[in-house]
Amino acid sequence: MEKFSTWRDKASGEHPFLPLKKPSDVPIILIVPYFILRIFCLPLFFILLFLLYPITWIIPPLHFVMRILVRIILFVSGFHTIKDNWVRTTSRQKGNAKPIFPSSIIISNHLSYLDSLVFYFWSNCLVAHSCPSSRSTEKYSGVLYEPIRYVFHQCPAASSSSIKGYSLEDLSNQATAKGRPLLIFPEETTANGTVLLKSWNHNCLSSIPPSVSVHVSGLIYSWGGFPVSHTVGSKILHFLKLCCQSPGQNITINFLSSDEVDSSNREEWGARTWAKVGTLVKTPLAQFLTALDKEKFLDMWNNYSVKKTN
């Protein structure tokens, strides 16, 4: 699709927004009864999830039950295992592990709407997302989301200024007050995993207080039949196709070794840390593309889709 070549990364030639093609050597449905079981079970789990969601505001311990339901949904949709690795970028030796405390901040790449659910199951986190109005300023301003709500979150337009945001320190304090860690996606939007999008403003990393425990991570999905990354189109249709993939897939969370998370110089720390995330997920860092580029791409994609259907 050369009409979308404007958004190809100039350094690698990769296009991070066009949907990936499925592998030709893996069938979409391996076991028909298993697929039928998925279709009937998933709506029940989602209904239970949304019934329990408002109750957790009154009874926070119910988050444990919610996390079990989230894990079942990931299992039924084909992801049977979720494992973590502590990785060094300087050698092949195993990295030093560090527990995730309620006051911690987790930094991760962003491939799919499932990302927030994976970390919700793993750490019971809350998700931070920056306000569009702060993207042209030096000060980070964002809002806090529950991971389940973030699945259906639509990034507001860059021109929107009606959303009141909070500083990263305030968001971290809000999450800590609830006894939960904070998750940040510096890419601000999903990509197909071919490149790591440049953060629109490294202030979202550099403004993290030095006293806060930081975990740098990279998510990797294995997939058979349909890619987990969602860049354009209907999320519901994408999820139904995802449920048709081959069972037995896995999710890997690569955490950066704790001794490599250097927080002494916050001014340059953001750029260095984001480059290390690219090493964790084994993808190059895009030189020019940001979340704003995806907004422009979506505008053109949607206009093209409308003209095509007409």
C-alpha atoms as a PDB file:
ATOM      1  CA  MET A   1       0.000   0.000   0.000  1.00  0.00           C
ATOM      2  CA  GLU A   2       2.210   2.757  -1.281  1.00  0.00           C
ATOM      3  CA  LYS A   3      -0.520   5.331  -0.614  1.00  0.00           C
ATOM      4  CA  PHE A   4       0.426   5.003   3.076  1.00  0.00           C
ATOM      5  CA  SER A   5       4.196   5.103   2.483  1.00  0.00           C
ATOM      6  CA  THR A   6       4.382   8.532   4.177  1.00  0.00           C
ATOM      7  CA  TRP A   7       4.332   6.764   7.540  1.00  0.00           C
ATOM      8  CA  ARG A   8       7.068   4.258   6.819  1.00  0.00           C
ATOM      9  CA  ASP A   9       9.937   4.641   9.252  1.00  0.00           C
ATOM     10  CA  LYS A  10      12.730   6.364   7.349  1.00  0.00           C
ATOM     11  CA  ALA A  11      15.466   4.481   9.192  1.00  0.00           C
ATOM     12  CA  SER A  12      14.169   0.896   8.874  1.00  0.00           C
ATOM     13  CA  GLY A  13      11.625   1.116   6.040  1.00  0.00           C
ATOM     14  CA  GLU A  14       9.048  -0.610   8.271  1.00  0.00           C
ATOM     15  CA  HIS A  15       5.409   0.473   8.448  1.00  0.00           C
ATOM     16  CA  PRO A  16       4.192   0.318  12.060  1.00  0.00           C
ATOM     17  CA  PHE A  17       0.503   0.998  11.411  1.00  0.00           C
ATOM     18  CA  LEU A  18      -0.579  -1.302   8.576  1.00  0.00           C
ATOM     19  CA  PRO A  19      -2.020  -4.620   9.864  1.00  0.00           C
ATOM     20  CA  LEU A  20       0.363  -7.566   9.680  1.00  0.00           C
ATOM     21  CA  LYS A  21      -0.437 -10.520   7.452  1.00  0.00           C
ATOM     22  CA  LYS A  22      -1.131 -13.858   9.109  1.00  0.00           C
ATOM     23  CA  PRO A  23       1.450 -16.661   8.769  1.00  0.00           C
ATOM     24  CA  SER A  24       0.628 -18.808   5.748  1.00  0.00           C
ATOM     25  CA  ASP A  25       1.816 -22.075   7.326  1.00  0.00           C
ATOM     26  CA  VAL A  26      -0.469 -21.937  10.406  1.00  0.00           C
ATOM     27  CA  PRO A  27      -4.191 -22.758  10.071  1.00  0.00           C
ATOM     28  CA  ILE A  28      -6.640 -20.320  11.677  1.00  0.00           C
ATOM     29  CA  ILE A  29      -8.653 -23.015  13.490  1.00  0.00           C
ATOM     30  CA  LEU A  30      -6.882 -26.185  14.576  1.00  0.00           C
ATOM     31  CA  ILE A  31      -9.636 -27.728  16.692  1.00  0.00           C
ATOM     32  CA  VAL A  32     -13.253 -26.860  15.822  1.00  0.00           C
ATOM     33  CA  PRO A  33     -14.783 -27.926  19.193  1.00  0.00           C
ATOM     34  CA  TYR A  34     -12.250 -25.761  21.007  1.00  0.00           C
ATOM     35  CA  PHE A  35     -13.240 -22.772  18.873  1.00  0.00           C
ATOM     36  CA  ILE A  36     -16.959 -23.357  19.610  1.00  0.00           C
ATOM     37  CA  LEU A  37     -16.156 -23.539  23.326  1.00  0.00           C
ATOM     38  CA  ARG A  38     -14.407 -20.174  23.090  1.00  0.00           C
ATOM     39  CA  ILE A  39     -17.339 -18.470  21.402  1.00  0.00           C
ATOM     40  CA  PHE A  40     -19.808 -19.644  24.061  1.00  0.00           C
ATOM     41  CA  CYS A  41     -17.581 -19.150  27.119  1.00  0.00           C
ATOM     42  CA  LEU A  42     -16.095 -15.724  26.378  1.00  0.00           C
ATOM     43  CA  PRO A  43     -19.406 -13.765  26.539  1.00  0.00           C
ATOM     44  CA  LEU A  44     -20.112 -15.302  29.962  1.00  0.00           C
ATOM     45  CA  PHE A  45     -16.731 -14.265  31.321  1.00  0.00           C
ATOM     46  CA  PHE A  46     -17.124 -10.750  29.916  1.00  0.00           C
ATOM     47  CA  ILE A  47     -20.575 -10.402  31.486  1.00  0.00           C
ATOM     48  CA  LEU A  48     -19.158 -11.451  34.869  1.00  0.00           C
ATOM     49  CA  LEU A  49     -16.263  -9.036  34.402  1.00  0.00           C
ATOM     50  CA  PHE A  50     -18.498  -6.036  33.726  1.00  0.00           C
ATOM     51  CA  LEU A  51     -20.884  -6.955  36.563  1.00  0.00           C
ATOM     52  CA  LEU A  52     -18.009  -7.073  39.044  1.00  0.00           C
ATOM     53  CA  TYR A  53     -16.237  -3.962  37.703  1.00  0.00           C
ATOM     54  CA  PRO A  54     -18.439  -1.310  39.448  1.00  0.00           C
ATOM     55  CA  ILE A  55     -18.520  -3.364  42.665  1.00  0.00           C
ATOM     56  CA  THR A  56     -14.714  -3.151  42.972  1.00  0.00           C
ATOM     57  CA  TRP A  57     -15.068   0.583  43.681  1.00  0.00           C
ATOM     58  CA  ILE A  58     -16.858  -0.387  46.914  1.00  0.00           C
ATOM     59  CA  ILE A  59     -15.058  -3.669  47.647  1.00  0.00           C
ATOM     60  CA  PRO A  60     -11.423  -3.378  46.379  1.00  0.00           C
ATOM     61  CA  PRO A  61     -10.501  -7.008  47.327  1.00  0.00           C
ATOM     62  CA  LEU A  62     -12.756  -8.145  44.456  1.00  0.00           C
ATOM     63  CA  HIS A  63      -9.920  -7.126  42.117  1.00  0.00           C
ATOM     64  CA  PHE A  64      -8.459 -10.558  42.873  1.00  0.00           C
ATOM     65  CA  VAL A  65     -11.549 -12.230  41.365  1.00  0.00           C
ATOM     66  CA  MET A  66     -11.441  -9.816  38.422  1.00  0.00           C
ATOM     67  CA  ARG A  67      -7.821 -10.718  37.718  1.00  0.00           C
ATOM     68  CA  ILE A  68      -8.733 -14.423  37.687  1.00  0.00           C
ATOM     69  CA  LEU A  69     -11.495 -13.707  35.143  1.00  0.00           C
ATOM     70  CA  VAL A  70      -9.032 -11.691  33.023  1.00  0.00           C
ATOM     71  CA  ARG A  71      -6.597 -14.608  33.051  1.00  0.00           C
ATOM     72  CA  ILE A  72      -9.374 -16.992  31.972  1.00  0.00           C
ATOM     73  CA  ILE A  73     -10.272 -14.666  29.091  1.00  0.00           C
ATOM     74  CA  LEU A  74      -6.632 -14.576  27.954  1.00  0.00           C
ATOM     75  CA  PHE A  75      -6.448 -18.374  28.252  1.00  0.00           C
ATOM     76  CA  VAL A  76      -9.646 -18.986  26.281  1.00  0.00           C
ATOM     77  CA  SER A  77      -8.479 -16.553  23.583  1.00  0.00           C
ATOM     78  CA  GLY A  78      -5.441 -18.774  23.025  1.00  0.00           C
ATOM     79  CA  PHE A  79      -2.726 -17.415  25.339  1.00  0.00           C
ATOM     80  CA  HIS A  80      -2.055 -20.352  27.629  1.00  0.00           C
ATOM     81  CA  THR A  81       1.117 -19.146  29.317  1.00  0.00           C
ATOM     82  CA  ILE A  82       2.354 -15.797  30.624  1.00  0.00           C
ATOM     83  CA  LYS A  83       5.962 -15.765  31.757  1.00  0.00           C
ATOM     84  CA  ASP A  84       8.435 -13.118  32.846  1.00  0.00           C
ATOM     85  CA  ASN A  85      12.167 -12.819  32.222  1.00  0.00           C
ATOM     86  CA  TRP A  86      14.691 -10.461  33.795  1.00  0.00           C
ATOM     87  CA  VAL A  87      17.045  -9.473  30.997  1.00  0.00           C
ATOM     88  CA  ARG A  88      20.358  -7.657  30.708  1.00  0.00           C
ATOM     89  CA  THR A  89      21.001  -5.581  27.595  1.00  0.00           C
ATOM     90  CA  THR A  90      24.768  -5.657  28.163  1.00  0.00           C
ATOM     91  CA  SER A  91      25.240  -9.434  28.441  1.00  0.00           C
ATOM     92  CA  ARG A  92      23.433 -12.781  28.199  1.00  0.00           C
ATOM     93  CA  GLN A  93      23.470 -13.324  31.947  1.00  0.00           C
ATOM     94  CA  LYS A  94      20.147 -13.395  33.760  1.00  0.00           C
ATOM     95  CA  GLY A  95      19.153 -10.027  35.167  1.00  0.00           C
ATOM     96  CA  ASN A  96      18.436  -9.113  38.767  1.00  0.00           C
ATOM     97  CA  ALA A  97      14.754  -9.379  39.653  1.00  0.00           C
ATOM     98  CA  LYS A  98      12.946  -6.748  41.712  1.00  0.00           C
ATOM     99  CA  PRO A  99       9.449  -7.051  43.228  1.00  0.00           C
ATOM    100  CA  ILE A 100       6.696  -4.780  41.947  1.00  0.00           C
ATOM    101  CA  PHE A 101       5.506  -2.674  44.880  1.00  0.00           C
ATOM    102  CA  PRO A 102       2.206  -0.727  45.009  1.00  0.00           C
ATOM    103  CA  SER A 103       4.223   2.497  44.649  1.00  0.00           C
ATOM    104  CA  SER A 104       6.113   1.260  41.557  1.00  0.00           C
ATOM    105  CA  ILE A 105       5.883   2.582  37.989  1.00  0.00           C
ATOM    106  CA  ILE A 106       5.942   0.135  35.048  1.00  0.00           C
ATOM    107  CA  ILE A 107       7.084   1.295  31.594  1.00  0.00           C
ATOM    108  CA  SER A 108       6.150  -0.860  28.597  1.00  0.00           C
ATOM    109  CA  ASN A 109       5.751  -0.934  24.832  1.00  0.00           C
ATOM    110  CA  HIS A 110       2.181  -0.955  23.487  1.00  0.00           C
ATOM    111  CA  LEU A 111       1.143  -3.612  20.950  1.00  0.00           C
ATOM    112  CA  SER A 112      -2.486  -4.379  21.707  1.00  0.00           C
ATOM    113  CA  TYR A 113      -5.535  -3.488  23.787  1.00  0.00           C
ATOM    114  CA  LEU A 114      -4.733  -6.738  25.639  1.00  0.00           C
ATOM    115  CA  ASP A 115      -1.557  -5.173  27.093  1.00  0.00           C
ATOM    116  CA  SER A 116      -3.376  -3.465  29.960  1.00  0.00           C
ATOM    117  CA  LEU A 117      -5.179  -6.741  30.805  1.00  0.00           C
ATOM    118  CA  VAL A 118      -1.880  -8.659  30.863  1.00  0.00           C
ATOM    119  CA  PHE A 119      -0.323  -6.213  33.320  1.00  0.00           C
ATOM    120  CA  TYR A 120      -3.576  -6.018  35.314  1.00  0.00           C
ATOM    121  CA  PHE A 121      -3.410  -9.774  35.870  1.00  0.00           C
ATOM    122  CA  TRP A 122       0.321  -9.610  36.548  1.00  0.00           C
ATOM    123  CA  SER A 123       0.468  -6.662  38.944  1.00  0.00           C
ATOM    124  CA  ASN A 124      -3.045  -5.230  39.576  1.00  0.00           C
ATOM    125  CA  CYS A 125      -1.905  -1.926  38.041  1.00  0.00           C
ATOM    126  CA  LEU A 126      -3.620   1.276  36.919  1.00  0.00           C
ATOM    127  CA  VAL A 127      -2.896   2.831  33.501  1.00  0.00           C
ATOM    128  CA  ALA A 128      -1.760   6.410  32.829  1.00  0.00           C
ATOM    129  CA  HIS A 129      -2.430   8.158  29.524  1.00  0.00           C
ATOM    130  CA  SER A 130      -1.279  11.652  28.600  1.00  0.00           C
ATOM    131  CA  CYS A 131      -3.678  14.434  27.679  1.00  0.00           C
ATOM    132  CA  PRO A 132      -3.338  15.622  24.055  1.00  0.00           C
ATOM    133  CA  SER A 133      -2.973  19.229  25.212  1.00  0.00           C
ATOM    134  CA  SER A 134       0.291  18.408  27.016  1.00  0.00           C
ATOM    135  CA  ARG A 135       2.046  16.950  23.980  1.00  0.00           C
ATOM    136  CA  SER A 136       3.372  20.326  22.874  1.00  0.00           C
ATOM    137  CA  THR A 137       4.533  21.395  26.333  1.00  0.00           C
ATOM    138  CA  GLU A 138       7.435  20.466  28.577  1.00  0.00           C
ATOM    139  CA  LYS A 139       5.170  19.357  31.430  1.00  0.00           C
ATOM    140  CA  TYR A 140       3.521  15.936  31.464  1.00  0.00           C
ATOM    141  CA  SER A 141      -0.226  15.921  32.059  1.00  0.00           C
ATOM    142  CA  GLY A 142      -2.279  12.741  32.077  1.00  0.00           C
ATOM    143  CA  VAL A 143      -5.307  10.860  33.350  1.00  0.00           C
ATOM    144  CA  LEU A 144      -5.712   7.574  35.215  1.00  0.00           C
ATOM    145  CA  TYR A 145      -7.595   4.580  33.783  1.00  0.00           C
ATOM    146  CA  GLU A 146      -8.691   1.216  35.105  1.00  0.00           C
ATOM    147  CA  PRO A 147      -7.102  -1.441  32.826  1.00  0.00           C
ATOM    148  CA  ILE A 148     -10.499  -2.836  31.789  1.00  0.00           C
ATOM    149  CA  ARG A 149     -11.769   0.618  30.861  1.00  0.00           C
ATOM    150  CA  TYR A 150      -8.516   1.322  29.003  1.00  0.00           C
ATOM    151  CA  VAL A 151      -9.281  -1.606  26.653  1.00  0.00           C
ATOM    152  CA  PHE A 152     -12.138   0.448  25.187  1.00  0.00           C
ATOM    153  CA  HIS A 153     -10.262   3.735  25.441  1.00  0.00           C
ATOM    154  CA  GLN A 154     -10.053   5.848  22.300  1.00  0.00           C
ATOM    155  CA  CYS A 155      -7.170   8.299  22.122  1.00  0.00           C
ATOM    156  CA  PRO A 156      -8.700  11.810  21.890  1.00  0.00           C
ATOM    157  CA  ALA A 157      -7.667  14.088  19.068  1.00  0.00           C
ATOM    158  CA  ALA A 158      -4.544  16.172  19.514  1.00  0.00           C
ATOM    159  CA  SER A 159      -6.615  19.346  19.293  1.00  0.00           C
ATOM    160  CA  SER A 160      -8.777  18.325  22.264  1.00  0.00           C
ATOM    161  CA  SER A 161      -8.086  20.409  25.364  1.00  0.00           C
ATOM    162  CA  SER A 162     -11.177  19.688  27.466  1.00  0.00           C
ATOM    163  CA  ILE A 163      -9.593  16.904  29.521  1.00  0.00           C
ATOM    164  CA  LYS A 164      -8.100  17.869  32.865  1.00  0.00           C
ATOM    165  CA  GLY A 165      -4.774  16.162  33.431  1.00  0.00           C
ATOM    166  CA  TYR A 166      -2.488  15.512  36.377  1.00  0.00           C
ATOM    167  CA  SER A 167       1.279  15.417  36.675  1.00  0.00           C
ATOM    168  CA  LEU A 168       3.013  12.074  36.653  1.00  0.00           C
ATOM    169  CA  GLU A 169       3.851  12.471  40.332  1.00  0.00           C
ATOM    170  CA  ASP A 170       0.169  13.094  41.134  1.00  0.00           C
ATOM    171  CA  LEU A 171      -0.888  10.052  39.100  1.00  0.00           C
ATOM    172  CA  SER A 172       1.691   7.924  40.908  1.00  0.00           C
ATOM    173  CA  ASN A 173       0.406   9.198  44.270  1.00  0.00           C
ATOM    174  CA  GLN A 174      -3.192   8.416  43.267  1.00  0.00           C
ATOM    175  CA  ALA A 175      -2.249   4.864  42.303  1.00  0.00           C
ATOM    176  CA  THR A 176      -0.181   4.411  45.480  1.00  0.00           C
ATOM    177  CA  ALA A 177      -3.108   5.620  47.602  1.00  0.00           C
ATOM    178  CA  LYS A 178      -5.146   2.788  46.084  1.00  0.00           C
ATOM    179  CA  GLY A 179      -2.328   0.326  46.781  1.00  0.00           C
ATOM    180  CA  ARG A 180      -1.610  -0.316  43.106  1.00  0.00           C
ATOM    181  CA  PRO A 181       1.354   0.292  40.749  1.00  0.00           C
ATOM    182  CA  LEU A 182       1.148   2.632  37.741  1.00  0.00           C
ATOM    183  CA  LEU A 183       1.568   1.503  34.106  1.00  0.00           C
ATOM    184  CA  ILE A 184       2.821   3.898  31.401  1.00  0.00           C
ATOM    185  CA  PHE A 185       2.819   3.382  27.608  1.00  0.00           C
ATOM    186  CA  PRO A 186       5.285   6.017  26.281  1.00  0.00           C
ATOM    187  CA  GLU A 187       4.281   5.184  22.679  1.00  0.00           C
ATOM    188  CA  GLU A 188       0.777   6.465  23.569  1.00  0.00           C
ATOM    189  CA  THR A 189      -0.708   4.275  20.829  1.00  0.00           C
ATOM    190  CA  THR A 190      -0.497   0.749  19.480  1.00  0.00           C
ATOM    191  CA  ALA A 191       1.768  -0.313  16.635  1.00  0.00           C
ATOM    192  CA  ASN A 192       2.155  -3.661  14.850  1.00  0.00           C
ATOM    193  CA  GLY A 193       5.471  -4.464  16.522  1.00  0.00           C
ATOM    194  CA  THR A 194       7.796  -3.882  13.564  1.00  0.00           C
ATOM    195  CA  VAL A 195       9.310  -0.778  15.169  1.00  0.00           C
ATOM    196  CA  LEU A 196       9.100   0.958  18.522  1.00  0.00           C
ATOM    197  CA  LEU A 197       7.434   4.358  18.155  1.00  0.00           C
ATOM    198  CA  LYS A 198       9.309   7.365  19.438  1.00  0.00           C
ATOM    199  CA  SER A 199       7.823   8.859  22.592  1.00  0.00           C
ATOM    200  CA  TRP A 200       6.251  12.243  21.764  1.00  0.00           C
ATOM    201  CA  ASN A 201       7.870  13.711  24.845  1.00  0.00           C
ATOM    202  CA  HIS A 202      10.456  11.951  26.994  1.00  0.00           C
ATOM    203  CA  ASN A 203       9.180  14.060  29.865  1.00  0.00           C
ATOM    204  CA  CYS A 204       6.754  11.218  30.578  1.00  0.00           C
ATOM    205  CA  LEU A 205       9.842   9.257  31.642  1.00  0.00           C
ATOM    206  CA  SER A 206      12.225  11.985  32.776  1.00  0.00           C
ATOM    207  CA  SER A 207       9.662  13.504  35.151  1.00  0.00           C
ATOM    208  CA  ILE A 208       9.403  10.314  37.219  1.00  0.00           C
ATOM    209  CA  PRO A 209      10.568  11.147  40.759  1.00  0.00           C
ATOM    210  CA  PRO A 210      13.967   9.517  41.536  1.00  0.00           C
ATOM    211  CA  SER A 211      12.544   8.005  44.726  1.00  0.00           C
ATOM    212  CA  VAL A 212       9.979   5.921  42.810  1.00  0.00           C
ATOM    213  CA  SER A 213      10.806   2.297  41.964  1.00  0.00           C
ATOM    214  CA  VAL A 214      10.724   1.893  38.152  1.00  0.00           C
ATOM    215  CA  HIS A 215      10.296  -1.332  36.166  1.00  0.00           C
ATOM    216  CA  VAL A 216      11.189  -1.209  32.459  1.00  0.00           C
ATOM    217  CA  SER A 217       9.506  -3.967  30.451  1.00  0.00           C
ATOM    218  CA  GLY A 218       8.795  -5.183  26.929  1.00  0.00           C
ATOM    219  CA  LEU A 219       5.811  -7.311  25.900  1.00  0.00           C
ATOM    220  CA  ILE A 220       6.203 -10.041  23.277  1.00  0.00           C
ATOM    221  CA  TYR A 221       3.279 -12.121  21.944  1.00  0.00           C
ATOM    222  CA  SER A 222       3.521 -15.331  19.983  1.00  0.00           C
ATOM    223  CA  TRP A 223       0.640 -15.737  17.570  1.00  0.00           C
ATOM    224  CA  GLY A 224      -0.637 -18.280  15.097  1.00  0.00           C
ATOM    225  CA  GLY A 225      -3.277 -17.410  12.534  1.00  0.00           C
ATOM    226  CA  PHE A 226      -3.923 -13.781  13.477  1.00  0.00           C
ATOM    227  CA  PRO A 227      -1.702 -11.008  14.907  1.00  0.00           C
ATOM    228  CA  VAL A 228      -2.483  -9.694  18.379  1.00  0.00           C
ATOM    229  CA  SER A 229      -1.581  -6.126  17.413  1.00  0.00           C
ATOM    230  CA  HIS A 230      -4.579  -3.927  16.636  1.00  0.00           C
ATOM    231  CA  THR A 231      -3.864  -0.773  14.679  1.00  0.00           C
ATOM    232  CA  VAL A 232      -7.018  -0.071  12.627  1.00  0.00           C
ATOM    233  CA  GLY A 233     -10.589  -1.353  12.340  1.00  0.00           C
ATOM    234  CA  SER A 234     -13.090  -2.790  14.821  1.00  0.00           C
ATOM    235  CA  LYS A 235     -11.710  -4.116  18.106  1.00  0.00           C
ATOM    236  CA  ILE A 236     -14.665  -6.514  18.472  1.00  0.00           C
ATOM    237  CA  LEU A 237     -14.072  -8.033  15.034  1.00  0.00           C
ATOM    238  CA  HIS A 238     -10.345  -8.181  15.745  1.00  0.00           C
ATOM    239  CA  PHE A 239     -10.958 -10.007  19.044  1.00  0.00           C
ATOM    240  CA  LEU A 240     -13.273 -12.534  17.376  1.00  0.00           C
ATOM    241  CA  LYS A 241     -10.572 -13.286  14.805  1.00  0.00           C
ATOM    242  CA  LEU A 242      -8.032 -13.501  17.618  1.00  0.00           C
ATOM    243  CA  CYS A 243     -10.170 -16.186  19.250  1.00  0.00           C
ATOM    244  CA  CYS A 244      -9.858 -18.221  16.048  1.00  0.00           C
ATOM    245  CA  GLN A 245      -6.073 -18.457  16.343  1.00  0.00           C
ATOM    246  CA  SER A 246      -4.230 -21.644  17.172  1.00  0.00           C
ATOM    247  CA  PRO A 247      -4.283 -22.542  20.877  1.00  0.00           C
ATOM    248  CA  GLY A 248      -1.098 -22.792  22.896  1.00  0.00           C
ATOM    249  CA  GLN A 249       0.257 -19.257  22.289  1.00  0.00           C
ATOM    250  CA  ASN A 250       2.237 -17.468  24.984  1.00  0.00           C
ATOM    251  CA  ILE A 251       2.973 -13.977  26.285  1.00  0.00           C
ATOM    252  CA  THR A 252       6.432 -12.999  27.487  1.00  0.00           C
ATOM    253  CA  ILE A 253       7.185  -9.972  29.662  1.00  0.00           C
ATOM    254  CA  ASN A 254      10.872  -9.074  29.476  1.00  0.00           C
ATOM    255  CA  PHE A 255      11.863  -6.904  32.431  1.00  0.00           C
ATOM    256  CA  LEU A 256      15.091  -4.931  32.365  1.00  0.00           C
ATOM    257  CA  SER A 257      17.532  -6.008  35.060  1.00  0.00           C
ATOM    258  CA  SER A 258      17.106  -3.809  38.113  1.00  0.00           C
ATOM    259  CA  ASP A 259      20.784  -2.791  38.144  1.00  0.00           C
ATOM    260  CA  GLU A 260      20.410  -1.372  34.602  1.00  0.00           C
ATOM    261  CA  VAL A 261      17.539   0.930  35.533  1.00  0.00           C
ATOM    262  CA  ASP A 262      19.730   3.935  36.275  1.00  0.00           C
ATOM    263  CA  SER A 263      17.815   6.899  37.665  1.00  0.00           C
ATOM    264  CA  SER A 264      20.739   9.184  38.545  1.00  0.00           C
ATOM    265  CA  ASN A 265      20.413  11.517  35.537  1.00  0.00           C
ATOM    266  CA  ARG A 266      16.711  12.011  34.775  1.00  0.00           C
ATOM    267  CA  GLU A 267      17.283  14.484  31.934  1.00  0.00           C
ATOM    268  CA  GLU A 268      18.794  11.866  29.618  1.00  0.00           C
ATOM    269  CA  TRP A 269      17.251   8.887  31.368  1.00  0.00           C
ATOM    270  CA  GLY A 270      14.039   8.898  29.317  1.00  0.00           C
ATOM    271  CA  ALA A 271      15.686   8.529  25.901  1.00  0.00           C
ATOM    272  CA  ARG A 272      18.167   5.897  27.126  1.00  0.00           C
ATOM    273  CA  THR A 273      15.454   3.855  28.821  1.00  0.00           C
ATOM    274  CA  TRP A 274      13.163   3.890  25.797  1.00  0.00           C
ATOM    275  CA  ALA A 275      16.027   2.667  23.609  1.00  0.00           C
ATOM    276  CA  LYS A 276      16.506  -0.255  26.026  1.00  0.00           C
ATOM    277  CA  VAL A 277      12.826  -1.197  25.648  1.00  0.00           C
ATOM    278  CA  GLY A 278      13.529  -1.618  21.938  1.00  0.00           C
ATOM    279  CA  THR A 279      16.302  -4.061  22.882  1.00  0.00           C
ATOM    280  CA  LEU A 280      13.935  -5.983  25.180  1.00  0.00           C
ATOM    281  CA  VAL A 281      11.361  -6.519  22.405  1.00  0.00           C
ATOM    282  CA  LYS A 282      14.011  -6.945  19.676  1.00  0.00           C
ATOM    283  CA  THR A 283      12.641  -4.165  17.437  1.00  0.00           C
ATOM    284  CA  PRO A 284      14.394  -1.006  16.193  1.00  0.00           C
ATOM    285  CA  LEU A 285      13.445   2.404  17.512  1.00  0.00           C
ATOM    286  CA  ALA A 286      11.618   4.538  14.942  1.00  0.00           C
ATOM    287  CA  GLN A 287      13.417   7.817  14.298  1.00  0.00           C
ATOM    288  CA  PHE A 288      10.484  10.061  13.417  1.00  0.00           C
ATOM    289  CA  LEU A 289       7.132   8.350  14.080  1.00  0.00           C
ATOM    290  CA  THR A 290       5.010   9.204  17.146  1.00  0.00           C
ATOM    291  CA  ALA A 291       1.408   8.946  18.309  1.00  0.00           C
ATOM    292  CA  LEU A 292       0.569  12.087  16.325  1.00  0.00           C
ATOM    293  CA  ASP A 293       1.664  10.298  13.136  1.00  0.00           C
ATOM    294  CA  LYS A 294      -0.808   7.517  13.843  1.00  0.00           C
ATOM    295  CA  GLU A 295      -3.631  10.039  14.256  1.00  0.00           C
ATOM    296  CA  LYS A 296      -2.846  11.405  10.778  1.00  0.00           C
ATOM    297  CA  PHE A 297      -2.583   7.873   9.396  1.00  0.00           C
ATOM    298  CA  LEU A 298      -5.983   6.924  10.863  1.00  0.00           C
ATOM    299  CA  ASP A 299      -7.584   9.999   9.301  1.00  0.00           C
ATOM    300  CA  MET A 300      -6.344   8.949   5.877  1.00  0.00           C
ATOM    301  CA  TRP A 301      -7.153   5.264   6.484  1.00  0.00           C
ATOM    302  CA  ASN A 302     -10.730   6.014   7.576  1.00  0.00           C
ATOM    303  CA  ASN A 303     -11.331   8.352   4.620  1.00  0.00           C
ATOM    304  CA  TYR A 304      -9.988   5.689   2.258  1.00  0.00           C
ATOM    305  CA  SER A 305     -12.216   3.018   3.863  1.00  0.00           C
ATOM    306  CA  VAL A 306     -15.317   5.213   3.535  1.00  0.00           C
ATOM    307  CA  LYS A 307     -14.610   5.947  -0.142  1.00  0.00           C
ATOM    308  CA  LYS A 308     -13.930   2.248  -0.769  1.00  0.00           C
ATOM    309  CA  THR A 309     -17.258   1.155   0.778  1.00  0.00           C
ATOM    310  CA  ASN A 310     -19.158   3.818  -1.110  1.00  0.00           C
END
